[in-house]
N, C-alpha and C. Protein backbone atom coordinates (compact mmCIF):
# COMPACT_ATOMS: atom_id res chain seq x y z
N MET A 1 27.63 -9.91 -22.27
CA MET A 1 26.51 -10.39 -21.49
C MET A 1 26.92 -11.56 -20.60
N THR A 2 27.86 -12.37 -21.04
CA THR A 2 28.33 -13.50 -20.25
C THR A 2 28.97 -13.02 -18.95
N VAL A 3 29.78 -11.97 -19.02
CA VAL A 3 30.42 -11.41 -17.83
C VAL A 3 29.35 -10.93 -16.85
N LEU A 4 28.34 -10.30 -17.38
CA LEU A 4 27.25 -9.79 -16.56
C LEU A 4 26.54 -10.93 -15.83
N ILE A 5 26.18 -11.97 -16.53
CA ILE A 5 25.46 -13.09 -15.91
C ILE A 5 26.33 -13.83 -14.91
N VAL A 6 27.57 -14.07 -15.26
CA VAL A 6 28.50 -14.75 -14.33
C VAL A 6 28.69 -13.90 -13.07
N THR A 7 28.87 -12.60 -13.26
CA THR A 7 29.02 -11.69 -12.12
C THR A 7 27.78 -11.74 -11.23
N ALA A 8 26.62 -11.62 -11.85
CA ALA A 8 25.37 -11.63 -11.09
C ALA A 8 25.19 -12.92 -10.30
N LEU A 9 25.42 -14.05 -10.95
CA LEU A 9 25.25 -15.34 -10.27
C LEU A 9 26.28 -15.53 -9.16
N ALA A 10 27.49 -15.03 -9.38
CA ALA A 10 28.53 -15.12 -8.34
C ALA A 10 28.14 -14.28 -7.12
N VAL A 11 27.67 -13.06 -7.36
CA VAL A 11 27.28 -12.21 -6.23
C VAL A 11 26.06 -12.78 -5.52
N ILE A 12 25.11 -13.31 -6.27
CA ILE A 12 23.95 -13.95 -5.65
C ILE A 12 24.41 -15.12 -4.78
N ALA A 13 25.31 -15.93 -5.29
CA ALA A 13 25.82 -17.07 -4.52
C ALA A 13 26.51 -16.60 -3.23
N ILE A 14 27.32 -15.56 -3.34
CA ILE A 14 28.01 -15.04 -2.16
C ILE A 14 27.01 -14.50 -1.14
N THR A 15 26.01 -13.76 -1.61
CA THR A 15 25.02 -13.23 -0.66
C THR A 15 24.18 -14.34 -0.04
N LEU A 16 23.92 -15.40 -0.79
CA LEU A 16 23.22 -16.55 -0.21
C LEU A 16 24.07 -17.20 0.88
N LEU A 17 25.37 -17.31 0.63
CA LEU A 17 26.27 -17.87 1.65
C LEU A 17 26.31 -16.97 2.89
N VAL A 18 26.43 -15.67 2.67
CA VAL A 18 26.45 -14.73 3.80
C VAL A 18 25.16 -14.86 4.61
N HIS A 19 24.04 -14.90 3.92
CA HIS A 19 22.75 -15.00 4.60
C HIS A 19 22.60 -16.34 5.32
N GLY A 20 23.03 -17.41 4.66
CA GLY A 20 22.94 -18.73 5.26
C GLY A 20 23.79 -18.85 6.51
N PHE A 21 25.06 -18.43 6.41
CA PHE A 21 25.93 -18.48 7.57
C PHE A 21 25.45 -17.51 8.66
N GLY A 22 24.99 -16.34 8.24
CA GLY A 22 24.51 -15.35 9.21
C GLY A 22 23.31 -15.84 9.99
N THR A 23 22.31 -16.36 9.30
CA THR A 23 21.12 -16.83 10.00
C THR A 23 21.42 -18.06 10.83
N SER A 24 22.28 -18.93 10.35
CA SER A 24 22.66 -20.12 11.14
C SER A 24 23.41 -19.71 12.40
N TRP A 25 24.34 -18.77 12.26
CA TRP A 25 25.09 -18.29 13.42
C TRP A 25 24.16 -17.65 14.42
N TRP A 26 23.23 -16.81 13.94
CA TRP A 26 22.32 -16.12 14.84
C TRP A 26 21.40 -17.12 15.56
N LEU A 27 20.90 -18.08 14.83
CA LEU A 27 20.04 -19.10 15.45
C LEU A 27 20.80 -19.86 16.53
N HIS A 28 22.04 -20.20 16.25
CA HIS A 28 22.89 -20.89 17.23
C HIS A 28 23.11 -19.98 18.44
N ARG A 29 23.39 -18.71 18.18
CA ARG A 29 23.66 -17.76 19.26
C ARG A 29 22.45 -17.59 20.17
N ILE A 30 21.28 -17.37 19.61
CA ILE A 30 20.10 -17.19 20.48
C ILE A 30 19.69 -18.51 21.12
N GLY A 31 19.97 -19.61 20.44
CA GLY A 31 19.67 -20.91 21.03
C GLY A 31 20.50 -21.16 22.27
N ILE A 32 21.79 -20.88 22.19
CA ILE A 32 22.68 -21.07 23.34
C ILE A 32 22.35 -20.06 24.43
N ARG A 33 22.14 -18.83 24.03
CA ARG A 33 21.93 -17.76 25.01
C ARG A 33 20.64 -17.94 25.80
N TYR A 34 19.60 -18.47 25.17
CA TYR A 34 18.30 -18.53 25.83
C TYR A 34 17.83 -19.93 26.18
N ALA A 35 18.53 -20.95 25.70
CA ALA A 35 18.08 -22.33 25.96
C ALA A 35 18.16 -22.68 27.44
N SER A 36 19.15 -22.16 28.13
CA SER A 36 19.33 -22.53 29.53
C SER A 36 18.42 -21.75 30.47
N ARG A 37 17.75 -20.75 29.96
CA ARG A 37 16.89 -19.94 30.81
C ARG A 37 15.52 -20.58 31.00
N GLU A 38 14.88 -20.16 32.03
CA GLU A 38 13.54 -20.65 32.31
C GLU A 38 12.58 -20.24 31.20
N ARG A 39 11.66 -21.11 30.90
CA ARG A 39 10.63 -20.76 29.91
C ARG A 39 9.72 -19.68 30.46
N ARG A 40 9.78 -19.45 31.75
CA ARG A 40 8.93 -18.46 32.36
C ARG A 40 9.50 -17.04 32.27
N ASP A 41 10.61 -16.90 31.56
CA ASP A 41 11.16 -15.56 31.38
C ASP A 41 10.08 -14.65 30.82
N GLY A 42 10.17 -13.41 31.19
CA GLY A 42 9.11 -12.47 30.86
C GLY A 42 9.04 -12.02 29.42
N VAL A 43 8.06 -11.18 29.21
CA VAL A 43 7.81 -10.62 27.89
C VAL A 43 9.00 -9.80 27.43
N ALA A 44 9.67 -9.13 28.35
CA ALA A 44 10.81 -8.29 27.97
C ALA A 44 11.91 -9.12 27.32
N ARG A 45 12.18 -10.32 27.83
CA ARG A 45 13.20 -11.17 27.23
C ARG A 45 12.78 -11.60 25.83
N LYS A 46 11.54 -11.98 25.70
CA LYS A 46 11.04 -12.42 24.39
C LYS A 46 11.09 -11.26 23.38
N ALA A 47 10.68 -10.09 23.82
CA ALA A 47 10.74 -8.92 22.95
C ALA A 47 12.19 -8.60 22.59
N GLY A 48 13.08 -8.76 23.55
CA GLY A 48 14.50 -8.53 23.30
C GLY A 48 15.05 -9.45 22.23
N VAL A 49 14.66 -10.72 22.29
CA VAL A 49 15.10 -11.69 21.27
C VAL A 49 14.61 -11.25 19.89
N VAL A 50 13.37 -10.86 19.80
CA VAL A 50 12.80 -10.45 18.51
C VAL A 50 13.47 -9.18 18.01
N ILE A 51 13.63 -8.19 18.86
CA ILE A 51 14.24 -6.93 18.45
C ILE A 51 15.69 -7.15 18.01
N GLN A 52 16.44 -7.92 18.79
CA GLN A 52 17.82 -8.21 18.42
C GLN A 52 17.89 -8.97 17.10
N THR A 53 16.96 -9.87 16.88
CA THR A 53 16.93 -10.63 15.63
C THR A 53 16.66 -9.71 14.45
N VAL A 54 15.69 -8.81 14.59
CA VAL A 54 15.39 -7.86 13.51
C VAL A 54 16.61 -7.00 13.20
N LEU A 55 17.24 -6.47 14.25
CA LEU A 55 18.42 -5.63 14.03
C LEU A 55 19.55 -6.40 13.37
N PHE A 56 19.76 -7.63 13.81
CA PHE A 56 20.81 -8.45 13.19
C PHE A 56 20.51 -8.69 11.72
N MET A 57 19.27 -8.98 11.39
CA MET A 57 18.92 -9.25 10.00
C MET A 57 19.07 -7.99 9.13
N ILE A 58 18.79 -6.82 9.69
CA ILE A 58 19.00 -5.58 8.95
C ILE A 58 20.48 -5.39 8.66
N VAL A 59 21.32 -5.64 9.66
CA VAL A 59 22.77 -5.54 9.45
C VAL A 59 23.23 -6.54 8.39
N LEU A 60 22.68 -7.74 8.43
CA LEU A 60 23.03 -8.76 7.44
C LEU A 60 22.64 -8.30 6.04
N HIS A 61 21.46 -7.75 5.90
CA HIS A 61 21.04 -7.24 4.59
C HIS A 61 21.94 -6.09 4.13
N PHE A 62 22.33 -5.24 5.05
CA PHE A 62 23.21 -4.13 4.66
C PHE A 62 24.55 -4.66 4.17
N ALA A 63 25.06 -5.71 4.82
CA ALA A 63 26.32 -6.32 4.35
C ALA A 63 26.14 -6.85 2.93
N GLU A 64 25.00 -7.43 2.64
CA GLU A 64 24.72 -7.96 1.30
C GLU A 64 24.60 -6.82 0.28
N ILE A 65 24.00 -5.72 0.69
CA ILE A 65 23.90 -4.54 -0.17
C ILE A 65 25.31 -4.01 -0.47
N LEU A 66 26.17 -3.99 0.54
CA LEU A 66 27.56 -3.55 0.33
C LEU A 66 28.30 -4.46 -0.64
N LEU A 67 28.02 -5.77 -0.56
CA LEU A 67 28.65 -6.70 -1.51
C LEU A 67 28.23 -6.38 -2.94
N TRP A 68 26.95 -6.13 -3.14
CA TRP A 68 26.47 -5.76 -4.47
C TRP A 68 27.10 -4.44 -4.93
N ALA A 69 27.17 -3.47 -4.03
CA ALA A 69 27.77 -2.18 -4.39
C ALA A 69 29.23 -2.36 -4.80
N ALA A 70 29.95 -3.20 -4.07
CA ALA A 70 31.35 -3.47 -4.42
C ALA A 70 31.45 -4.14 -5.79
N ALA A 71 30.53 -5.07 -6.06
CA ALA A 71 30.52 -5.73 -7.37
C ALA A 71 30.23 -4.72 -8.48
N PHE A 72 29.28 -3.81 -8.24
CA PHE A 72 28.99 -2.77 -9.22
C PHE A 72 30.22 -1.92 -9.49
N MET A 73 30.93 -1.57 -8.43
CA MET A 73 32.13 -0.74 -8.59
C MET A 73 33.22 -1.50 -9.34
N LEU A 74 33.34 -2.81 -9.11
CA LEU A 74 34.37 -3.60 -9.78
C LEU A 74 34.11 -3.77 -11.27
N VAL A 75 32.88 -4.07 -11.63
CA VAL A 75 32.60 -4.38 -13.04
C VAL A 75 32.03 -3.20 -13.82
N ALA A 76 31.41 -2.28 -13.12
CA ALA A 76 30.78 -1.14 -13.82
C ALA A 76 31.03 0.15 -13.08
N GLY A 77 32.24 0.31 -12.60
CA GLY A 77 32.60 1.47 -11.79
C GLY A 77 32.37 2.81 -12.46
N GLU A 78 32.44 2.81 -13.78
CA GLU A 78 32.23 4.06 -14.51
C GLU A 78 30.78 4.55 -14.40
N GLU A 79 29.90 3.68 -13.93
CA GLU A 79 28.48 4.03 -13.80
C GLU A 79 28.21 4.91 -12.57
N PHE A 80 29.15 4.92 -11.61
CA PHE A 80 28.93 5.63 -10.35
C PHE A 80 30.08 6.58 -10.09
N SER A 81 29.75 7.73 -9.54
CA SER A 81 30.80 8.71 -9.23
C SER A 81 31.47 8.41 -7.89
N THR A 82 30.75 7.77 -6.97
CA THR A 82 31.30 7.43 -5.66
C THR A 82 30.80 6.06 -5.22
N PHE A 83 31.48 5.49 -4.22
CA PHE A 83 31.01 4.23 -3.65
C PHE A 83 29.67 4.43 -2.95
N GLU A 84 29.48 5.59 -2.33
CA GLU A 84 28.21 5.89 -1.66
C GLU A 84 27.06 5.83 -2.67
N GLU A 85 27.29 6.33 -3.86
CA GLU A 85 26.25 6.28 -4.90
C GLU A 85 25.95 4.83 -5.29
N ALA A 86 26.99 4.01 -5.36
CA ALA A 86 26.79 2.58 -5.66
C ALA A 86 26.01 1.89 -4.54
N VAL A 87 26.31 2.26 -3.29
CA VAL A 87 25.57 1.70 -2.14
C VAL A 87 24.11 2.13 -2.19
N TYR A 88 23.88 3.39 -2.49
CA TYR A 88 22.52 3.89 -2.61
C TYR A 88 21.76 3.14 -3.71
N PHE A 89 22.38 3.05 -4.88
CA PHE A 89 21.75 2.34 -5.99
C PHE A 89 21.47 0.89 -5.60
N SER A 90 22.43 0.26 -4.95
CA SER A 90 22.28 -1.13 -4.54
C SER A 90 21.14 -1.29 -3.53
N SER A 91 21.04 -0.36 -2.59
CA SER A 91 19.99 -0.48 -1.57
C SER A 91 18.59 -0.33 -2.16
N VAL A 92 18.42 0.61 -3.10
CA VAL A 92 17.09 0.76 -3.68
C VAL A 92 16.78 -0.36 -4.67
N THR A 93 17.81 -0.99 -5.21
CA THR A 93 17.61 -2.13 -6.11
C THR A 93 17.33 -3.40 -5.31
N PHE A 94 18.14 -3.65 -4.28
CA PHE A 94 18.01 -4.84 -3.43
C PHE A 94 16.62 -4.92 -2.82
N THR A 95 16.11 -3.78 -2.37
CA THR A 95 14.80 -3.74 -1.73
C THR A 95 13.66 -3.60 -2.72
N THR A 96 13.98 -3.51 -3.99
CA THR A 96 13.06 -3.30 -5.10
C THR A 96 12.29 -1.99 -4.98
N LEU A 97 12.82 -1.04 -4.22
CA LEU A 97 12.21 0.28 -4.11
C LEU A 97 12.33 1.02 -5.44
N GLY A 98 13.53 1.03 -5.99
CA GLY A 98 13.76 1.53 -7.34
C GLY A 98 13.30 2.95 -7.61
N TYR A 99 13.87 3.94 -6.95
CA TYR A 99 13.51 5.33 -7.21
C TYR A 99 13.73 5.71 -8.67
N GLY A 100 14.82 5.23 -9.24
CA GLY A 100 15.10 5.54 -10.64
C GLY A 100 15.92 6.79 -10.83
N ASP A 101 16.33 7.45 -9.74
CA ASP A 101 17.15 8.65 -9.88
C ASP A 101 18.60 8.32 -10.23
N VAL A 102 19.04 7.09 -9.90
CA VAL A 102 20.34 6.59 -10.31
C VAL A 102 20.06 5.31 -11.08
N THR A 103 20.54 5.25 -12.31
CA THR A 103 20.30 4.06 -13.14
C THR A 103 21.60 3.63 -13.80
N LEU A 104 21.58 2.41 -14.29
CA LEU A 104 22.73 1.88 -15.04
C LEU A 104 22.49 2.05 -16.53
N SER A 105 23.57 2.14 -17.26
CA SER A 105 23.45 2.20 -18.72
C SER A 105 22.95 0.86 -19.24
N SER A 106 22.56 0.84 -20.49
CA SER A 106 22.00 -0.39 -21.06
C SER A 106 22.99 -1.55 -21.03
N ALA A 107 24.28 -1.25 -20.98
CA ALA A 107 25.29 -2.32 -20.94
C ALA A 107 25.25 -3.10 -19.62
N TRP A 108 24.80 -2.46 -18.55
CA TRP A 108 24.85 -3.10 -17.22
C TRP A 108 23.49 -3.21 -16.55
N ARG A 109 22.42 -2.72 -17.13
CA ARG A 109 21.13 -2.66 -16.42
C ARG A 109 20.58 -4.02 -16.03
N LEU A 110 20.90 -5.06 -16.77
CA LEU A 110 20.42 -6.40 -16.41
C LEU A 110 20.97 -6.84 -15.06
N LEU A 111 22.14 -6.34 -14.70
CA LEU A 111 22.74 -6.67 -13.41
C LEU A 111 21.84 -6.24 -12.26
N SER A 112 21.18 -5.09 -12.41
CA SER A 112 20.29 -4.62 -11.35
C SER A 112 19.07 -5.53 -11.20
N GLY A 113 18.61 -6.11 -12.29
CA GLY A 113 17.50 -7.06 -12.21
C GLY A 113 17.87 -8.29 -11.40
N PHE A 114 19.09 -8.77 -11.60
CA PHE A 114 19.56 -9.92 -10.82
C PHE A 114 19.64 -9.56 -9.33
N GLU A 115 20.11 -8.35 -9.03
CA GLU A 115 20.16 -7.96 -7.62
C GLU A 115 18.77 -7.91 -7.01
N ALA A 116 17.81 -7.39 -7.75
CA ALA A 116 16.44 -7.32 -7.24
C ALA A 116 15.89 -8.72 -6.96
N ILE A 117 16.15 -9.66 -7.87
CA ILE A 117 15.69 -11.04 -7.65
C ILE A 117 16.34 -11.61 -6.39
N GLY A 118 17.65 -11.42 -6.26
CA GLY A 118 18.35 -11.91 -5.07
C GLY A 118 17.85 -11.24 -3.80
N GLY A 119 17.60 -9.94 -3.87
CA GLY A 119 17.08 -9.22 -2.71
C GLY A 119 15.72 -9.72 -2.27
N ILE A 120 14.84 -9.97 -3.24
CA ILE A 120 13.51 -10.50 -2.91
C ILE A 120 13.63 -11.84 -2.20
N VAL A 121 14.50 -12.70 -2.71
CA VAL A 121 14.70 -14.02 -2.10
C VAL A 121 15.22 -13.88 -0.68
N LEU A 122 16.23 -13.04 -0.49
CA LEU A 122 16.83 -12.89 0.84
C LEU A 122 15.89 -12.21 1.82
N ILE A 123 15.11 -11.25 1.37
CA ILE A 123 14.13 -10.61 2.25
C ILE A 123 13.02 -11.61 2.61
N GLY A 124 12.64 -12.45 1.66
CA GLY A 124 11.67 -13.52 1.96
C GLY A 124 12.22 -14.50 2.99
N TRP A 125 13.49 -14.84 2.84
CA TRP A 125 14.17 -15.73 3.79
C TRP A 125 14.14 -15.11 5.19
N THR A 126 14.45 -13.82 5.26
CA THR A 126 14.43 -13.11 6.54
C THR A 126 13.03 -13.11 7.13
N THR A 127 12.03 -12.89 6.30
CA THR A 127 10.65 -12.90 6.77
C THR A 127 10.29 -14.26 7.38
N ALA A 128 10.68 -15.32 6.70
CA ALA A 128 10.41 -16.67 7.22
C ALA A 128 11.16 -16.90 8.53
N PHE A 129 12.39 -16.43 8.61
CA PHE A 129 13.20 -16.58 9.81
C PHE A 129 12.57 -15.83 10.98
N LEU A 130 12.15 -14.58 10.74
CA LEU A 130 11.51 -13.80 11.79
C LEU A 130 10.19 -14.44 12.23
N TYR A 131 9.46 -14.98 11.29
CA TYR A 131 8.22 -15.68 11.63
C TYR A 131 8.51 -16.86 12.56
N ALA A 132 9.56 -17.61 12.26
CA ALA A 132 9.92 -18.76 13.10
C ALA A 132 10.31 -18.30 14.51
N VAL A 133 11.05 -17.21 14.62
CA VAL A 133 11.42 -16.69 15.94
C VAL A 133 10.18 -16.23 16.69
N LEU A 134 9.32 -15.49 16.02
CA LEU A 134 8.08 -15.03 16.66
C LEU A 134 7.19 -16.20 17.07
N GLN A 135 7.12 -17.20 16.22
CA GLN A 135 6.31 -18.38 16.54
C GLN A 135 6.85 -19.06 17.80
N ARG A 136 8.17 -19.16 17.90
CA ARG A 136 8.77 -19.77 19.09
C ARG A 136 8.45 -18.95 20.35
N MET A 137 8.52 -17.64 20.24
CA MET A 137 8.20 -16.78 21.38
C MET A 137 6.72 -16.93 21.77
N TRP A 138 5.88 -17.04 20.76
CA TRP A 138 4.44 -17.20 21.02
C TRP A 138 4.18 -18.54 21.69
N GLN A 139 4.83 -19.59 21.23
CA GLN A 139 4.67 -20.91 21.85
C GLN A 139 5.13 -20.90 23.30
N GLU A 140 6.25 -20.22 23.56
CA GLU A 140 6.71 -20.09 24.95
C GLU A 140 5.70 -19.33 25.78
N HIS A 141 5.14 -18.28 25.21
CA HIS A 141 4.14 -17.47 25.92
C HIS A 141 2.92 -18.32 26.27
N LEU A 142 2.44 -19.08 25.31
CA LEU A 142 1.29 -19.94 25.57
C LEU A 142 1.62 -21.00 26.61
N GLY A 143 2.84 -21.50 26.56
CA GLY A 143 3.27 -22.51 27.53
C GLY A 143 3.29 -21.97 28.94
N THR A 144 3.66 -20.70 29.09
CA THR A 144 3.72 -20.11 30.42
C THR A 144 2.34 -19.72 30.93
N LYS A 145 1.37 -19.60 30.04
CA LYS A 145 0.01 -19.23 30.42
C LYS A 145 -0.90 -20.45 30.57
N GLY A 146 -0.30 -21.63 30.45
CA GLY A 146 -1.08 -22.85 30.59
C GLY A 146 -1.78 -23.29 29.32
N GLY A 147 -1.47 -22.62 28.21
CA GLY A 147 -2.09 -22.97 26.94
C GLY A 147 -1.35 -24.09 26.25
N SER A 148 -1.81 -24.45 25.10
CA SER A 148 -1.21 -25.52 24.30
C SER A 148 -0.06 -24.96 23.50
N ASN A 149 0.92 -25.80 23.18
CA ASN A 149 2.04 -25.41 22.32
C ASN A 149 1.76 -25.74 20.87
N ASP A 150 0.57 -26.18 20.56
CA ASP A 150 0.24 -26.55 19.17
C ASP A 150 -0.09 -25.35 18.35
C-alpha cells in the first residue's frame, strides 16, 4: 500500500507541475500575443483566444492522462494488455466518467481513486482558468461598447 500511495502522490505532483507550468506558459503566451493589440479588436479575435485556450487545455489534460497511463503501466502493467487500454482506463478515471468496463484488481484499485481526485482538481483549475479568460474577454467587450469594466 505504501508503494501505491507514494506512486499516486508522485503522479499527482507531476500532473500539478505540468498543469501549473502549462497554464502559466499559456497565460504568458496570450498575454504577449494580444497585449499589444487594440482593445477594439473584434469578436473573432476574442473568440479565437477562447477557442485556442480550450484546445490548449484539452491537450494539457491529455498529457496528464498519458502520465497516469504510463504510471499504471510502470507499477501495474499486468493490469492492462496494451498501453492504449491504460490510456483509456486513465481517461475515464481522470474525468470521473468511470464506465467500469476496464478495472484494476484489488491490489491497485486505490490508485484509480487518487487519479480521479487529481483529475477533479485539475479540471476545476481549468474551469477557473477558462472563466478568467472569458471574464477578460467580456471586460474588453464592455470596454469597447462604452460600458463599465466592473
